[in-house]
Amino acid sequence: VYPWGNQWNPDNAVWSGNSNQQTANVGSIPAGRSWVGALDMSGNVWEWVSSLYLPYNSSDDREADAGNRTDVQRVVRGGSWYSTDSNLRGATRNGNNADYVNNFNGFRCARST
């Protein structure tokens, strides 16, 4: 349910209950890491991902190339510093356009080793 397991632990994420209404440094709560060692998968900032925000039963291509369009919603996951515990679950998702700007959305940079 959560990156660290199935039980909510308020000390494992940056969320509305402990954030002082702001983000925290990446990796500042190592106890909240996932089973593969990924940090900040719940809380701190919503992560904007490449998947199109479509209904789960959609037959459309979730990874379709939308080019430079900014009116296409992509999925955000993980909740943020202003979220309650129910929005920090792995199954929770919302959608945002590329030009939607705020201080509770971000993205994860990744590279292969």
Protein backbone atom coordinates (compact mmCIF):
# COMPACT_ATOMS: atom_id res chain seq x y z
CA VAL A 1 0.00 0.00 0.00
CA TYR A 2 2.86 2.37 0.90
CA PRO A 3 6.46 2.12 -0.37
CA TRP A 4 7.65 0.76 2.99
CA GLY A 5 4.77 -1.71 3.52
CA ASN A 6 1.04 -2.02 4.16
CA GLN A 7 0.79 -0.05 7.41
CA TRP A 8 0.67 3.75 7.56
CA ASN A 9 3.59 5.24 9.49
CA PRO A 10 3.42 9.04 9.83
CA ASP A 11 7.20 9.23 10.34
CA ASN A 12 7.99 7.68 6.93
CA ALA A 13 6.88 10.54 4.64
CA VAL A 14 6.78 14.31 4.29
CA TRP A 15 3.04 14.98 4.47
CA SER A 16 0.52 17.47 5.88
CA GLY A 17 1.01 16.14 9.40
CA ASN A 18 4.73 16.96 9.63
CA SER A 19 5.75 19.14 6.67
CA ASN A 20 5.37 22.63 8.15
CA GLN A 21 3.65 23.33 4.80
CA GLN A 22 6.81 23.00 2.72
CA THR A 23 8.93 20.47 0.87
CA ALA A 24 11.91 18.73 2.44
CA ASN A 25 15.30 17.79 1.04
CA VAL A 26 15.22 14.70 -1.14
CA GLY A 27 16.01 11.60 0.87
CA SER A 28 15.49 13.31 4.22
CA ILE A 29 13.37 10.40 5.50
CA PRO A 30 15.31 7.20 4.68
CA ALA A 31 12.90 5.08 6.77
CA GLY A 32 10.26 5.67 4.06
CA ARG A 33 12.26 4.03 1.29
CA SER A 34 10.70 1.34 -0.86
CA TRP A 35 11.76 -2.30 -0.84
CA VAL A 36 14.13 -1.50 -3.74
CA GLY A 37 15.61 1.53 -1.96
CA ALA A 38 13.74 4.29 -3.83
CA LEU A 39 13.24 7.37 -1.65
CA ASP A 40 10.36 9.85 -1.51
CA MET A 41 7.86 7.67 -3.36
CA SER A 42 5.18 8.89 -0.93
CA GLY A 43 4.94 12.52 0.10
CA ASN A 44 7.17 15.56 -0.38
CA VAL A 45 5.96 16.27 -3.96
CA TRP A 46 3.57 14.54 -6.36
CA GLU A 47 5.64 12.90 -9.09
CA TRP A 48 4.63 13.76 -12.63
CA VAL A 49 5.15 10.62 -14.76
CA SER A 50 5.04 9.85 -18.48
CA SER A 51 1.72 7.95 -18.46
CA LEU A 52 -1.27 9.75 -19.91
CA TYR A 53 -4.06 10.32 -17.37
CA LEU A 54 -6.68 7.97 -18.80
CA PRO A 55 -9.30 5.74 -17.20
CA TYR A 56 -7.88 2.36 -16.21
CA ASN A 57 -10.24 0.62 -18.64
CA SER A 58 -9.13 2.80 -21.58
CA SER A 59 -7.88 1.07 -24.71
CA ASP A 60 -5.83 4.18 -25.63
CA ASP A 61 -2.03 4.06 -25.45
CA ARG A 62 -1.04 5.38 -22.01
CA GLU A 63 2.50 6.04 -23.24
CA ALA A 64 1.51 7.81 -26.47
CA ASP A 65 3.75 10.65 -27.61
CA ALA A 66 1.83 13.90 -27.19
CA GLY A 67 4.60 15.98 -28.75
CA ASN A 68 4.81 19.50 -27.36
CA ARG A 69 1.14 19.72 -26.40
CA THR A 70 0.58 21.09 -22.92
CA ASP A 71 -3.16 20.39 -22.78
CA VAL A 72 -2.62 16.65 -22.30
CA GLN A 73 -2.83 15.39 -18.73
CA ARG A 74 -0.15 13.09 -17.38
CA VAL A 75 -0.39 11.06 -14.18
CA VAL A 76 0.95 12.37 -10.87
CA ARG A 77 1.49 9.89 -8.04
CA GLY A 78 2.69 9.68 -4.48
CA GLY A 79 1.08 12.66 -2.77
CA SER A 80 2.96 15.63 -1.40
CA TRP A 81 3.73 17.72 1.65
CA TYR A 82 0.11 18.95 1.80
CA SER A 83 -1.48 15.48 1.37
CA THR A 84 -3.21 13.35 3.97
CA ASP A 85 -2.20 9.71 4.45
CA SER A 86 -4.87 8.41 2.03
CA ASN A 87 -3.25 10.34 -0.85
CA LEU A 88 0.17 8.86 -0.07
CA ARG A 89 -0.85 5.33 -1.05
CA GLY A 90 0.80 3.82 -4.10
CA ALA A 91 -2.55 3.36 -5.84
CA THR A 92 -3.48 7.05 -5.65
CA ARG A 93 -3.11 9.03 -8.84
CA ASN A 94 -4.25 12.36 -10.25
CA GLY A 95 -3.63 14.15 -13.53
CA ASN A 96 -1.99 17.46 -14.41
CA ASN A 97 -1.13 19.30 -17.60
CA ALA A 98 2.52 20.08 -18.36
CA ASP A 99 1.95 23.79 -17.90
CA TYR A 100 0.31 23.45 -14.46
CA VAL A 101 2.73 25.09 -12.01
CA ASN A 102 2.71 24.78 -8.21
CA ASN A 103 5.03 23.88 -5.35
CA PHE A 104 3.68 20.41 -4.68
CA ASN A 105 4.40 18.71 -8.03
CA GLY A 106 7.76 17.50 -9.23
CA PHE A 107 9.31 14.72 -11.26
CA ARG A 108 11.94 12.07 -10.73
CA CYS A 109 15.09 11.97 -12.81
CA ALA A 110 16.36 8.45 -13.39
CA ARG A 111 19.22 6.89 -15.27
CA SER A 112 20.36 3.39 -15.87
CA THR A 113 23.60 2.23 -14.29
